[in-house]
């Protein structure tokens, strides 16, 4: 396994649980005011390789297989620190700036939680 992206949560918006267990939103410090309360804030960090289906999104070591990758998900992550993660396993959930991972309930994240993208 090779880590192609790693980051830490530095802040949590007051409404990060508004989407239940099906979606989380990561965003750099530059998140629009209308979204900031719904986001986990991260520093802007670059991926070292392309994000692809078959890789894993990890929260504090818990892995979720990436099923689908939106057309601008990697670009948004690298440029804005922005990525939406849908825990639905549904191709219908893949928006341009999102990744869709297997349908599995994530553990709650907090300040200091580590998020990673890992190749198998």
PDB file of N, CA and C in Angstrom:
ATOM      1  N   UNK A   1       0.843  -1.180   0.000  1.00  0.00           N
ATOM      2  CA  UNK A   1       0.000   0.000   0.000  1.00  0.00           C
ATOM      3  C   UNK A   1       0.887   1.242   0.000  1.00  0.00           C
ATOM      4  N   UNK A   2       0.422   2.238  -0.760  1.00  0.00           N
ATOM      5  CA  UNK A   2       1.167   3.470  -0.915  1.00  0.00           C
ATOM      6  C   UNK A   2       0.226   4.642  -0.644  1.00  0.00           C
ATOM      7  N   UNK A   3       0.596   5.530   0.254  1.00  0.00           N
ATOM      8  CA  UNK A   3      -0.223   6.698   0.572  1.00  0.00           C
ATOM      9  C   UNK A   3       0.056   7.778  -0.475  1.00  0.00           C
ATOM     10  N   UNK A   4      -0.987   8.209  -1.188  1.00  0.00           N
ATOM     11  CA  UNK A   4      -0.808   9.257  -2.192  1.00  0.00           C
ATOM     12  C   UNK A   4      -1.335  10.605  -1.717  1.00  0.00           C
ATOM     13  N   UNK A   5      -1.998  10.604  -0.557  1.00  0.00           N
ATOM     14  CA  UNK A   5      -2.518  11.846   0.014  1.00  0.00           C
ATOM     15  C   UNK A   5      -2.694  11.637   1.508  1.00  0.00           C
ATOM     16  N   UNK A   6      -2.242  12.603   2.289  1.00  0.00           N
ATOM     17  CA  UNK A   6      -2.477  12.554   3.732  1.00  0.00           C
ATOM     18  C   UNK A   6      -2.687  13.967   4.240  1.00  0.00           C
ATOM     19  N   UNK A   7      -3.579  14.101   5.208  1.00  0.00           N
ATOM     20  CA  UNK A   7      -3.908  15.404   5.757  1.00  0.00           C
ATOM     21  C   UNK A   7      -4.537  15.227   7.133  1.00  0.00           C
ATOM     22  N   UNK A   8      -4.663  16.336   7.874  1.00  0.00           N
ATOM     23  CA  UNK A   8      -5.298  16.317   9.196  1.00  0.00           C
ATOM     24  C   UNK A   8      -6.398  17.361   9.270  1.00  0.00           C
ATOM     25  N   UNK A   9      -7.457  17.004   9.956  1.00  0.00           N
ATOM     26  CA  UNK A   9      -8.562  17.937  10.186  1.00  0.00           C
ATOM     27  C   UNK A   9      -8.086  18.987  11.188  1.00  0.00           C
ATOM     28  N   UNK A  10      -8.258  20.276  10.825  1.00  0.00           N
ATOM     29  CA  UNK A  10      -7.830  21.357  11.724  1.00  0.00           C
ATOM     30  C   UNK A  10      -9.012  22.112  12.329  1.00  0.00           C
ATOM     31  N   UNK A  11     -10.196  21.906  11.765  1.00  0.00           N
ATOM     32  CA  UNK A  11     -11.388  22.543  12.320  1.00  0.00           C
ATOM     33  C   UNK A  11     -12.621  21.787  11.830  1.00  0.00           C
ATOM     34  N   UNK A  12     -13.691  21.871  12.592  1.00  0.00           N
ATOM     35  CA  UNK A  12     -14.950  21.258  12.171  1.00  0.00           C
ATOM     36  C   UNK A  12     -16.051  22.306  12.224  1.00  0.00           C
ATOM     37  N   UNK A  13     -16.833  22.360  11.158  1.00  0.00           N
ATOM     38  CA  UNK A  13     -17.973  23.273  11.133  1.00  0.00           C
ATOM     39  C   UNK A  13     -19.061  22.779  12.076  1.00  0.00           C
ATOM     40  N   UNK A  14     -19.905  23.694  12.518  1.00  0.00           N
ATOM     41  CA  UNK A  14     -20.919  23.327  13.517  1.00  0.00           C
ATOM     42  C   UNK A  14     -22.001  22.393  12.961  1.00  0.00           C
ATOM     43  N   UNK A  15     -22.121  22.299  11.637  1.00  0.00           N
ATOM     44  CA  UNK A  15     -23.160  21.465  11.029  1.00  0.00           C
ATOM     45  C   UNK A  15     -22.596  20.310  10.202  1.00  0.00           C
ATOM     46  N   UNK A  16     -21.394  19.810  10.539  1.00  0.00           N
ATOM     47  CA  UNK A  16     -20.767  18.748   9.735  1.00  0.00           C
ATOM     48  C   UNK A  16     -21.579  17.456   9.724  1.00  0.00           C
ATOM     49  N   UNK A  17     -22.450  17.266  10.684  1.00  0.00           N
ATOM     50  CA  UNK A  17     -23.259  16.040  10.723  1.00  0.00           C
ATOM     51  C   UNK A  17     -24.606  16.192  10.008  1.00  0.00           C
ATOM     52  N   UNK A  18     -24.823  17.322   9.348  1.00  0.00           N
ATOM     53  CA  UNK A  18     -26.109  17.593   8.687  1.00  0.00           C
ATOM     54  C   UNK A  18     -26.437  16.570   7.596  1.00  0.00           C
ATOM     55  N   UNK A  19     -25.427  15.935   7.017  1.00  0.00           N
ATOM     56  CA  UNK A  19     -25.657  14.976   5.934  1.00  0.00           C
ATOM     57  C   UNK A  19     -25.690  13.538   6.445  1.00  0.00           C
ATOM     58  N   UNK A  20     -25.725  13.358   7.745  1.00  0.00           N
ATOM     59  CA  UNK A  20     -25.782  12.023   8.327  1.00  0.00           C
ATOM     60  C   UNK A  20     -24.512  11.240   8.046  1.00  0.00           C
ATOM     61  N   UNK A  21     -24.662   9.946   7.825  1.00  0.00           N
ATOM     62  CA  UNK A  21     -23.522   9.058   7.597  1.00  0.00           C
ATOM     63  C   UNK A  21     -23.194   8.888   6.118  1.00  0.00           C
ATOM     64  N   UNK A  22     -23.882   9.610   5.244  1.00  0.00           N
ATOM     65  CA  UNK A  22     -23.704   9.379   3.810  1.00  0.00           C
ATOM     66  C   UNK A  22     -22.762  10.346   3.122  1.00  0.00           C
ATOM     67  N   UNK A  23     -22.368  11.446   3.794  1.00  0.00           N
ATOM     68  CA  UNK A  23     -21.518  12.407   3.108  1.00  0.00           C
ATOM     69  C   UNK A  23     -20.723  13.243   4.100  1.00  0.00           C
ATOM     70  N   UNK A  24     -19.451  13.470   3.741  1.00  0.00           N
ATOM     71  CA  UNK A  24     -18.651  14.456   4.461  1.00  0.00           C
ATOM     72  C   UNK A  24     -18.013  15.375   3.425  1.00  0.00           C
ATOM     73  N   UNK A  25     -17.749  16.598   3.859  1.00  0.00           N
ATOM     74  CA  UNK A  25     -17.148  17.593   2.973  1.00  0.00           C
ATOM     75  C   UNK A  25     -15.861  18.090   3.613  1.00  0.00           C
ATOM     76  N   UNK A  26     -14.777  18.019   2.848  1.00  0.00           N
ATOM     77  CA  UNK A  26     -13.500  18.586   3.250  1.00  0.00           C
ATOM     78  C   UNK A  26     -13.305  19.878   2.473  1.00  0.00           C
ATOM     79  N   UNK A  27     -12.714  20.880   3.124  1.00  0.00           N
ATOM     80  CA  UNK A  27     -12.446  22.134   2.419  1.00  0.00           C
ATOM     81  C   UNK A  27     -11.286  22.827   3.094  1.00  0.00           C
ATOM     82  N   UNK A  28     -10.474  23.525   2.291  1.00  0.00           N
ATOM     83  CA  UNK A  28      -9.395  24.341   2.827  1.00  0.00           C
ATOM     84  C   UNK A  28      -9.959  25.538   3.575  1.00  0.00           C
ATOM     85  N   UNK A  29      -9.067  26.348   4.147  1.00  0.00           N
ATOM     86  CA  UNK A  29      -9.492  27.538   4.892  1.00  0.00           C
ATOM     87  C   UNK A  29     -10.310  28.506   4.060  1.00  0.00           C
ATOM     88  N   UNK A  30     -10.253  28.364   2.757  1.00  0.00           N
ATOM     89  CA  UNK A  30     -10.927  29.283   1.846  1.00  0.00           C
ATOM     90  C   UNK A  30     -12.354  28.863   1.519  1.00  0.00           C
ATOM     91  N   UNK A  31     -12.952  28.009   2.326  1.00  0.00           N
ATOM     92  CA  UNK A  31     -14.332  27.561   2.065  1.00  0.00           C
ATOM     93  C   UNK A  31     -15.270  28.761   2.038  1.00  0.00           C
ATOM     94  N   UNK A  32     -16.204  28.790   1.101  1.00  0.00           N
ATOM     95  CA  UNK A  32     -17.195  29.876   1.081  1.00  0.00           C
ATOM     96  C   UNK A  32     -17.973  29.905   2.401  1.00  0.00           C
ATOM     97  N   UNK A  33     -18.323  31.096   2.832  1.00  0.00           N
ATOM     98  CA  UNK A  33     -19.031  31.266   4.105  1.00  0.00           C
ATOM     99  C   UNK A  33     -20.297  30.415   4.184  1.00  0.00           C
ATOM    100  N   UNK A  34     -20.977  30.231   3.042  1.00  0.00           N
ATOM    101  CA  UNK A  34     -22.221  29.462   3.029  1.00  0.00           C
ATOM    102  C   UNK A  34     -21.986  27.970   3.248  1.00  0.00           C
ATOM    103  N   UNK A  35     -20.744  27.490   3.049  1.00  0.00           N
ATOM    104  CA  UNK A  35     -20.430  26.064   3.213  1.00  0.00           C
ATOM    105  C   UNK A  35     -19.622  25.756   4.470  1.00  0.00           C
ATOM    106  N   UNK A  36     -18.933  26.745   5.008  1.00  0.00           N
ATOM    107  CA  UNK A  36     -17.961  26.525   6.084  1.00  0.00           C
ATOM    108  C   UNK A  36     -18.529  25.715   7.256  1.00  0.00           C
ATOM    109  N   UNK A  37     -19.761  25.974   7.648  1.00  0.00           N
ATOM    110  CA  UNK A  37     -20.358  25.262   8.785  1.00  0.00           C
ATOM    111  C   UNK A  37     -20.563  23.773   8.507  1.00  0.00           C
ATOM    112  N   UNK A  38     -20.580  23.377   7.235  1.00  0.00           N
ATOM    113  CA  UNK A  38     -20.823  21.985   6.852  1.00  0.00           C
ATOM    114  C   UNK A  38     -19.538  21.218   6.547  1.00  0.00           C
ATOM    115  N   UNK A  39     -18.394  21.879   6.706  1.00  0.00           N
ATOM    116  CA  UNK A  39     -17.118  21.307   6.266  1.00  0.00           C
ATOM    117  C   UNK A  39     -16.166  20.977   7.412  1.00  0.00           C
ATOM    118  N   UNK A  40     -15.341  19.973   7.138  1.00  0.00           N
ATOM    119  CA  UNK A  40     -14.155  19.715   7.935  1.00  0.00           C
ATOM    120  C   UNK A  40     -13.031  20.489   7.253  1.00  0.00           C
ATOM    121  N   UNK A  41     -12.355  21.348   7.991  1.00  0.00           N
ATOM    122  CA  UNK A  41     -11.307  22.180   7.412  1.00  0.00           C
ATOM    123  C   UNK A  41      -9.969  21.455   7.445  1.00  0.00           C
ATOM    124  N   UNK A  42      -9.271  21.514   6.299  1.00  0.00           N
ATOM    125  CA  UNK A  42      -7.954  20.895   6.158  1.00  0.00           C
ATOM    126  C   UNK A  42      -7.006  21.885   5.481  1.00  0.00           C
ATOM    127  N   UNK A  43      -5.701  21.744   5.698  1.00  0.00           N
ATOM    128  CA  UNK A  43      -4.753  22.526   4.907  1.00  0.00           C
ATOM    129  C   UNK A  43      -4.787  22.038   3.455  1.00  0.00           C
ATOM    130  N   UNK A  44      -4.392  22.896   2.526  1.00  0.00           N
ATOM    131  CA  UNK A  44      -4.323  22.485   1.121  1.00  0.00           C
ATOM    132  C   UNK A  44      -3.019  21.720   0.921  1.00  0.00           C
ATOM    133  N   UNK A  45      -3.157  20.450   0.553  1.00  0.00           N
ATOM    134  CA  UNK A  45      -2.035  19.539   0.342  1.00  0.00           C
ATOM    135  C   UNK A  45      -2.246  18.845  -0.996  1.00  0.00           C
ATOM    136  N   UNK A  46      -1.162  18.610  -1.719  1.00  0.00           N
ATOM    137  CA  UNK A  46      -1.243  17.989  -3.040  1.00  0.00           C
ATOM    138  C   UNK A  46      -1.246  16.460  -2.956  1.00  0.00           C
ATOM    139  N   UNK A  47      -1.937  15.836  -3.885  1.00  0.00           N
ATOM    140  CA  UNK A  47      -1.841  14.385  -4.046  1.00  0.00           C
ATOM    141  C   UNK A  47      -0.528  14.089  -4.760  1.00  0.00           C
ATOM    142  N   UNK A  48       0.043  12.913  -4.528  1.00  0.00           N
ATOM    143  CA  UNK A  48       1.287  12.543  -5.195  1.00  0.00           C
ATOM    144  C   UNK A  48       1.037  11.655  -6.419  1.00  0.00           C
ATOM    145  N   UNK A  49      -0.228  11.302  -6.650  1.00  0.00           N
ATOM    146  CA  UNK A  49      -0.625  10.492  -7.807  1.00  0.00           C
ATOM    147  C   UNK A  49      -2.111  10.754  -8.051  1.00  0.00           C
ATOM    148  N   UNK A  50      -2.626  10.238  -9.153  1.00  0.00           N
ATOM    149  CA  UNK A  50      -4.040  10.426  -9.490  1.00  0.00           C
ATOM    150  C   UNK A  50      -4.938   9.602  -8.565  1.00  0.00           C
ATOM    151  N   UNK A  51      -6.113  10.149  -8.273  1.00  0.00           N
ATOM    152  CA  UNK A  51      -7.123   9.435  -7.501  1.00  0.00           C
ATOM    153  C   UNK A  51      -7.917   8.562  -8.471  1.00  0.00           C
ATOM    154  N   UNK A  52      -8.051   7.275  -8.151  1.00  0.00           N
ATOM    155  CA  UNK A  52      -8.707   6.336  -9.055  1.00  0.00           C
ATOM    156  C   UNK A  52      -9.588   5.355  -8.296  1.00  0.00           C
ATOM    157  N   UNK A  53     -10.622   4.835  -8.966  1.00  0.00           N
ATOM    158  CA  UNK A  53     -11.401   3.757  -8.360  1.00  0.00           C
ATOM    159  C   UNK A  53     -10.472   2.594  -8.002  1.00  0.00           C
ATOM    160  N   UNK A  54     -10.794   1.917  -6.913  1.00  0.00           N
ATOM    161  CA  UNK A  54      -9.970   0.799  -6.449  1.00  0.00           C
ATOM    162  C   UNK A  54      -8.990   1.201  -5.356  1.00  0.00           C
ATOM    163  N   UNK A  55      -8.731   2.501  -5.237  1.00  0.00           N
ATOM    164  CA  UNK A  55      -7.915   2.981  -4.127  1.00  0.00           C
ATOM    165  C   UNK A  55      -8.799   3.053  -2.890  1.00  0.00           C
ATOM    166  N   UNK A  56      -8.238   3.514  -1.797  1.00  0.00           N
ATOM    167  CA  UNK A  56      -8.980   3.610  -0.538  1.00  0.00           C
ATOM    168  C   UNK A  56      -8.911   5.013   0.024  1.00  0.00           C
ATOM    169  N   UNK A  57     -10.047   5.493   0.541  1.00  0.00           N
ATOM    170  CA  UNK A  57     -10.095   6.707   1.341  1.00  0.00           C
ATOM    171  C   UNK A  57     -10.073   6.236   2.785  1.00  0.00           C
ATOM    172  N   UNK A  58      -9.226   6.823   3.607  1.00  0.00           N
ATOM    173  CA  UNK A  58      -9.053   6.367   4.984  1.00  0.00           C
ATOM    174  C   UNK A  58      -9.312   7.500   5.967  1.00  0.00           C
ATOM    175  N   UNK A  59     -10.009   7.182   7.037  1.00  0.00           N
ATOM    176  CA  UNK A  59     -10.230   8.105   8.152  1.00  0.00           C
ATOM    177  C   UNK A  59      -9.657   7.442   9.393  1.00  0.00           C
ATOM    178  N   UNK A  60      -8.596   8.026   9.931  1.00  0.00           N
ATOM    179  CA  UNK A  60      -7.953   7.478  11.127  1.00  0.00           C
ATOM    180  C   UNK A  60      -7.690   5.977  11.000  1.00  0.00           C
ATOM    181  N   UNK A  61      -7.261   5.554   9.821  1.00  0.00           N
ATOM    182  CA  UNK A  61      -6.905   4.157   9.587  1.00  0.00           C
ATOM    183  C   UNK A  61      -8.030   3.266   9.114  1.00  0.00           C
ATOM    184  N   UNK A  62      -9.270   3.730   9.189  1.00  0.00           N
ATOM    185  CA  UNK A  62     -10.402   2.937   8.694  1.00  0.00           C
ATOM    186  C   UNK A  62     -10.543   3.189   7.190  1.00  0.00           C
ATOM    187  N   UNK A  63     -10.454   2.132   6.382  1.00  0.00           N
ATOM    188  CA  UNK A  63     -10.436   2.269   4.922  1.00  0.00           C
ATOM    189  C   UNK A  63     -11.803   2.056   4.302  1.00  0.00           C
ATOM    190  N   UNK A  64     -12.055   2.852   3.263  1.00  0.00           N
ATOM    191  CA  UNK A  64     -13.273   2.775   2.460  1.00  0.00           C
ATOM    192  C   UNK A  64     -12.844   2.706   1.003  1.00  0.00           C
ATOM    193  N   UNK A  65     -13.241   1.661   0.298  1.00  0.00           N
ATOM    194  CA  UNK A  65     -12.850   1.491  -1.101  1.00  0.00           C
ATOM    195  C   UNK A  65     -13.496   2.570  -1.962  1.00  0.00           C
ATOM    196  N   UNK A  66     -12.694   3.221  -2.804  1.00  0.00           N
ATOM    197  CA  UNK A  66     -13.189   4.241  -3.726  1.00  0.00           C
ATOM    198  C   UNK A  66     -13.813   3.536  -4.927  1.00  0.00           C
ATOM    199  N   UNK A  67     -15.085   3.827  -5.169  1.00  0.00           N
ATOM    200  CA  UNK A  67     -15.834   3.207  -6.262  1.00  0.00           C
ATOM    201  C   UNK A  67     -15.854   4.099  -7.519  1.00  0.00           C
ATOM    202  N   UNK A  68     -16.053   5.406  -7.318  1.00  0.00           N
ATOM    203  CA  UNK A  68     -16.176   6.352  -8.422  1.00  0.00           C
ATOM    204  C   UNK A  68     -15.468   7.653  -8.053  1.00  0.00           C
ATOM    205  N   UNK A  69     -14.912   8.330  -9.071  1.00  0.00           N
ATOM    206  CA  UNK A  69     -14.208   9.599  -8.861  1.00  0.00           C
ATOM    207  C   UNK A  69     -14.777  10.631  -9.826  1.00  0.00           C
ATOM    208  N   UNK A  70     -15.266  11.744  -9.287  1.00  0.00           N
ATOM    209  CA  UNK A  70     -15.787  12.820 -10.123  1.00  0.00           C
ATOM    210  C   UNK A  70     -14.693  13.456 -10.969  1.00  0.00           C
ATOM    211  N   UNK A  71     -15.089  14.068 -12.073  1.00  0.00           N
ATOM    212  CA  UNK A  71     -14.146  14.605 -13.053  1.00  0.00           C
ATOM    213  C   UNK A  71     -13.201  15.663 -12.498  1.00  0.00           C
ATOM    214  N   UNK A  72     -13.658  16.452 -11.519  1.00  0.00           N
ATOM    215  CA  UNK A  72     -12.781  17.508 -10.983  1.00  0.00           C
ATOM    216  C   UNK A  72     -12.448  17.296  -9.503  1.00  0.00           C
ATOM    217  N   UNK A  73     -12.698  16.099  -8.996  1.00  0.00           N
ATOM    218  CA  UNK A  73     -12.435  15.825  -7.577  1.00  0.00           C
ATOM    219  C   UNK A  73     -10.963  16.042  -7.224  1.00  0.00           C
ATOM    220  N   UNK A  74     -10.071  15.465  -8.002  1.00  0.00           N
ATOM    221  CA  UNK A  74      -8.638  15.595  -7.720  1.00  0.00           C
ATOM    222  C   UNK A  74      -8.177  17.049  -7.860  1.00  0.00           C
ATOM    223  N   UNK A  75      -8.621  17.726  -8.892  1.00  0.00           N
ATOM    224  CA  UNK A  75      -8.265  19.133  -9.115  1.00  0.00           C
ATOM    225  C   UNK A  75      -8.728  19.995  -7.940  1.00  0.00           C
ATOM    226  N   UNK A  76      -9.973  19.822  -7.511  1.00  0.00           N
ATOM    227  CA  UNK A  76     -10.495  20.596  -6.381  1.00  0.00           C
ATOM    228  C   UNK A  76      -9.727  20.308  -5.090  1.00  0.00           C
ATOM    229  N   UNK A  77      -9.379  19.046  -4.871  1.00  0.00           N
ATOM    230  CA  UNK A  77      -8.629  18.688  -3.669  1.00  0.00           C
ATOM    231  C   UNK A  77      -7.264  19.366  -3.677  1.00  0.00           C
ATOM    232  N   UNK A  78      -6.580  19.309  -4.806  1.00  0.00           N
ATOM    233  CA  UNK A  78      -5.248  19.898  -4.908  1.00  0.00           C
ATOM    234  C   UNK A  78      -5.249  21.420  -4.862  1.00  0.00           C
ATOM    235  N   UNK A  79      -6.251  22.044  -5.451  1.00  0.00           N
ATOM    236  CA  UNK A  79      -6.273  23.502  -5.543  1.00  0.00           C
ATOM    237  C   UNK A  79      -7.009  24.185  -4.394  1.00  0.00           C
ATOM    238  N   UNK A  80      -8.055  23.552  -3.872  1.00  0.00           N
ATOM    239  CA  UNK A  80      -8.902  24.187  -2.864  1.00  0.00           C
ATOM    240  C   UNK A  80      -8.946  23.435  -1.532  1.00  0.00           C
ATOM    241  N   UNK A  81      -8.386  22.239  -1.507  1.00  0.00           N
ATOM    242  CA  UNK A  81      -8.546  21.398  -0.322  1.00  0.00           C
ATOM    243  C   UNK A  81      -9.978  20.892  -0.226  1.00  0.00           C
ATOM    244  N   UNK A  82     -10.703  20.908  -1.335  1.00  0.00           N
ATOM    245  CA  UNK A  82     -12.130  20.567  -1.326  1.00  0.00           C
ATOM    246  C   UNK A  82     -12.380  19.189  -1.928  1.00  0.00           C
ATOM    247  N   UNK A  83     -13.059  18.365  -1.155  1.00  0.00           N
ATOM    248  CA  UNK A  83     -13.465  17.045  -1.626  1.00  0.00           C
ATOM    249  C   UNK A  83     -14.712  16.629  -0.871  1.00  0.00           C
ATOM    250  N   UNK A  84     -15.702  16.175  -1.610  1.00  0.00           N
ATOM    251  CA  UNK A  84     -16.899  15.600  -1.004  1.00  0.00           C
ATOM    252  C   UNK A  84     -16.756  14.087  -1.094  1.00  0.00           C
ATOM    253  N   UNK A  85     -17.006  13.411   0.018  1.00  0.00           N
ATOM    254  CA  UNK A  85     -16.927  11.951   0.059  1.00  0.00           C
ATOM    255  C   UNK A  85     -18.331  11.427   0.329  1.00  0.00           C
ATOM    256  N   UNK A  86     -18.855  10.656  -0.626  1.00  0.00           N
ATOM    257  CA  UNK A  86     -20.182  10.041  -0.488  1.00  0.00           C
ATOM    258  C   UNK A  86     -20.011   8.578  -0.109  1.00  0.00           C
ATOM    259  N   UNK A  87     -20.623   8.177   0.978  1.00  0.00           N
ATOM    260  CA  UNK A  87     -20.536   6.800   1.489  1.00  0.00           C
ATOM    261  C   UNK A  87     -21.753   6.007   1.051  1.00  0.00           C
ATOM    262  N   UNK A  88     -22.036   6.003  -0.260  1.00  0.00           N
ATOM    263  CA  UNK A  88     -23.258   5.386  -0.780  1.00  0.00           C
ATOM    264  C   UNK A  88     -23.019   4.215  -1.722  1.00  0.00           C
ATOM    265  N   UNK A  89     -21.817   4.109  -2.267  1.00  0.00           N
ATOM    266  CA  UNK A  89     -21.482   3.105  -3.288  1.00  0.00           C
ATOM    267  C   UNK A  89     -22.318   3.266  -4.552  1.00  0.00           C
ATOM    268  N   UNK A  90     -23.004   4.384  -4.691  1.00  0.00           N
ATOM    269  CA  UNK A  90     -23.904   4.588  -5.820  1.00  0.00           C
ATOM    270  C   UNK A  90     -23.281   5.493  -6.878  1.00  0.00           C
ATOM    271  N   UNK A  91     -23.296   5.021  -8.110  1.00  0.00           N
ATOM    272  CA  UNK A  91     -22.780   5.834  -9.214  1.00  0.00           C
ATOM    273  C   UNK A  91     -23.590   7.123  -9.364  1.00  0.00           C
ATOM    274  N   UNK A  92     -24.850   7.097  -8.954  1.00  0.00           N
ATOM    275  CA  UNK A  92     -25.705   8.287  -9.022  1.00  0.00           C
ATOM    276  C   UNK A  92     -25.242   9.386  -8.073  1.00  0.00           C
ATOM    277  N   UNK A  93     -24.397   9.049  -7.093  1.00  0.00           N
ATOM    278  CA  UNK A  93     -23.919  10.021  -6.113  1.00  0.00           C
ATOM    279  C   UNK A  93     -22.652  10.729  -6.541  1.00  0.00           C
ATOM    280  N   UNK A  94     -22.099  10.352  -7.690  1.00  0.00           N
ATOM    281  CA  UNK A  94     -20.816  10.930  -8.085  1.00  0.00           C
ATOM    282  C   UNK A  94     -21.031  12.276  -8.781  1.00  0.00           C
ATOM    283  N   UNK A  95     -20.766  13.328  -8.032  1.00  0.00           N
ATOM    284  CA  UNK A  95     -20.796  14.684  -8.565  1.00  0.00           C
ATOM    285  C   UNK A  95     -19.392  15.016  -9.052  1.00  0.00           C
ATOM    286  N   UNK A  96     -19.223  16.062  -9.866  1.00  0.00           N
ATOM    287  CA  UNK A  96     -17.900  16.356 -10.422  1.00  0.00           C
ATOM    288  C   UNK A  96     -16.785  16.508  -9.380  1.00  0.00           C
ATOM    289  N   UNK A  97     -17.080  17.073  -8.212  1.00  0.00           N
ATOM    290  CA  UNK A  97     -16.053  17.290  -7.195  1.00  0.00           C
ATOM    291  C   UNK A  97     -16.061  16.271  -6.079  1.00  0.00           C
ATOM    292  N   UNK A  98     -16.644  15.111  -6.318  1.00  0.00           N
ATOM    293  CA  UNK A  98     -16.808  14.116  -5.263  1.00  0.00           C
ATOM    294  C   UNK A  98     -16.149  12.789  -5.598  1.00  0.00           C
ATOM    295  N   UNK A  99     -15.922  12.014  -4.554  1.00  0.00           N
ATOM    296  CA  UNK A  99     -15.615  10.603  -4.723  1.00  0.00           C
ATOM    297  C   UNK A  99     -16.728   9.829  -4.035  1.00  0.00           C
ATOM    298  N   UNK A 100     -17.011   8.654  -4.550  1.00  0.00           N
ATOM    299  CA  UNK A 100     -18.009   7.769  -3.949  1.00  0.00           C
ATOM    300  C   UNK A 100     -17.255   6.545  -3.448  1.00  0.00           C
ATOM    301  N   UNK A 101     -17.474   6.224  -2.183  1.00  0.00           N
ATOM    302  CA  UNK A 101     -16.826   5.065  -1.584  1.00  0.00           C
ATOM    303  C   UNK A 101     -17.881   4.033  -1.209  1.00  0.00           C
ATOM    304  N   UNK A 102     -17.406   2.872  -0.796  1.00  0.00           N
ATOM    305  CA  UNK A 102     -18.333   1.809  -0.416  1.00  0.00           C
ATOM    306  C   UNK A 102     -19.294   2.280   0.658  1.00  0.00           C
ATOM    307  N   UNK A 103     -20.457   1.651   0.691  1.00  0.00           N
ATOM    308  CA  UNK A 103     -21.498   2.018   1.656  1.00  0.00           C
ATOM    309  C   UNK A 103     -21.147   1.397   3.002  1.00  0.00           C
ATOM    310  N   UNK A 104     -20.594   2.245   3.851  1.00  0.00           N
ATOM    311  CA  UNK A 104     -20.184   1.825   5.184  1.00  0.00           C
ATOM    312  C   UNK A 104     -20.171   3.072   6.051  1.00  0.00           C
ATOM    313  N   UNK A 105     -20.663   2.963   7.261  1.00  0.00           N
ATOM    314  CA  UNK A 105     -20.754   4.117   8.158  1.00  0.00           C
ATOM    315  C   UNK A 105     -19.359   4.512   8.648  1.00  0.00           C
ATOM    316  N   UNK A 106     -18.966   5.771   8.418  1.00  0.00           N
ATOM    317  CA  UNK A 106     -17.668   6.214   8.916  1.00  0.00           C
ATOM    318  C   UNK A 106     -17.728   6.552  10.407  1.00  0.00           C
ATOM    319  N   UNK A 107     -16.598   6.380  11.080  1.00  0.00           N
ATOM    320  CA  UNK A 107     -16.502   6.838  12.462  1.00  0.00           C
ATOM    321  C   UNK A 107     -16.481   8.361  12.465  1.00  0.00           C
ATOM    322  N   UNK A 108     -16.976   8.996  13.505  1.00  0.00           N
ATOM    323  CA  UNK A 108     -16.956  10.468  13.544  1.00  0.00           C
ATOM    324  C   UNK A 108     -15.523  11.000  13.475  1.00  0.00           C
ATOM    325  N   UNK A 109     -15.346  12.091  12.744  1.00  0.00           N
ATOM    326  CA  UNK A 109     -14.048  12.742  12.681  1.00  0.00           C
ATOM    327  C   UNK A 109     -14.016  13.892  13.675  1.00  0.00           C
ATOM    328  N   UNK A 110     -12.802  14.271  14.037  1.00  0.00           N
ATOM    329  CA  UNK A 110     -12.607  15.367  14.977  1.00  0.00           C
ATOM    330  C   UNK A 110     -11.337  16.113  14.584  1.00  0.00           C
ATOM    331  N   UNK A 111     -11.076  17.214  15.245  1.00  0.00           N
ATOM    332  CA  UNK A 111      -9.822  17.920  15.012  1.00  0.00           C
ATOM    333  C   UNK A 111      -8.682  16.949  15.317  1.00  0.00           C
ATOM    334  N   UNK A 112      -7.744  16.860  14.391  1.00  0.00           N
ATOM    335  CA  UNK A 112      -6.623  15.934  14.525  1.00  0.00           C
ATOM    336  C   UNK A 112      -6.815  14.623  13.792  1.00  0.00           C
ATOM    337  N   UNK A 113      -8.049  14.320  13.348  1.00  0.00           N
ATOM    338  CA  UNK A 113      -8.270  13.102  12.565  1.00  0.00           C
ATOM    339  C   UNK A 113      -7.446  13.160  11.292  1.00  0.00           C
ATOM    340  N   UNK A 114      -6.920  12.003  10.894  1.00  0.00           N
ATOM    341  CA  UNK A 114      -6.086  11.893   9.702  1.00  0.00           C
ATOM    342  C   UNK A 114      -6.905  11.287   8.559  1.00  0.00           C
ATOM    343  N   UNK A 115      -6.883  11.961   7.415  1.00  0.00           N
ATOM    344  CA  UNK A 115      -7.525  11.437   6.210  1.00  0.00           C
ATOM    345  C   UNK A 115      -6.430  11.133   5.194  1.00  0.00           C
ATOM    346  N   UNK A 116      -6.595  10.012   4.506  1.00  0.00           N
ATOM    347  CA  UNK A 116      -5.599   9.594   3.534  1.00  0.00           C
ATOM    348  C   UNK A 116      -6.281   8.979   2.321  1.00  0.00           C
ATOM    349  N   UNK A 117      -5.558   8.981   1.213  1.00  0.00           N
ATOM    350  CA  UNK A 117      -5.937   8.202   0.038  1.00  0.00           C
ATOM    351  C   UNK A 117      -4.776   7.266  -0.207  1.00  0.00           C
ATOM    352  N   UNK A 118      -5.118   5.972  -0.325  1.00  0.00           N
ATOM    353  CA  UNK A 118      -4.110   4.923  -0.362  1.00  0.00           C
ATOM    354  C   UNK A 118      -4.316   4.041  -1.594  1.00  0.00           C
ATOM    355  N   UNK A 119      -3.227   3.717  -2.276  1.00  0.00           N
ATOM    356  CA  UNK A 119      -3.315   2.769  -3.387  1.00  0.00           C
ATOM    357  C   UNK A 119      -3.163   1.361  -2.829  1.00  0.00           C
ATOM    358  N   UNK A 120      -3.834   0.377  -3.444  1.00  0.00           N
ATOM    359  CA  UNK A 120      -3.722  -0.993  -2.927  1.00  0.00           C
ATOM    360  C   UNK A 120      -2.340  -1.607  -3.206  1.00  0.00           C
TER     361      UNK A 120
END
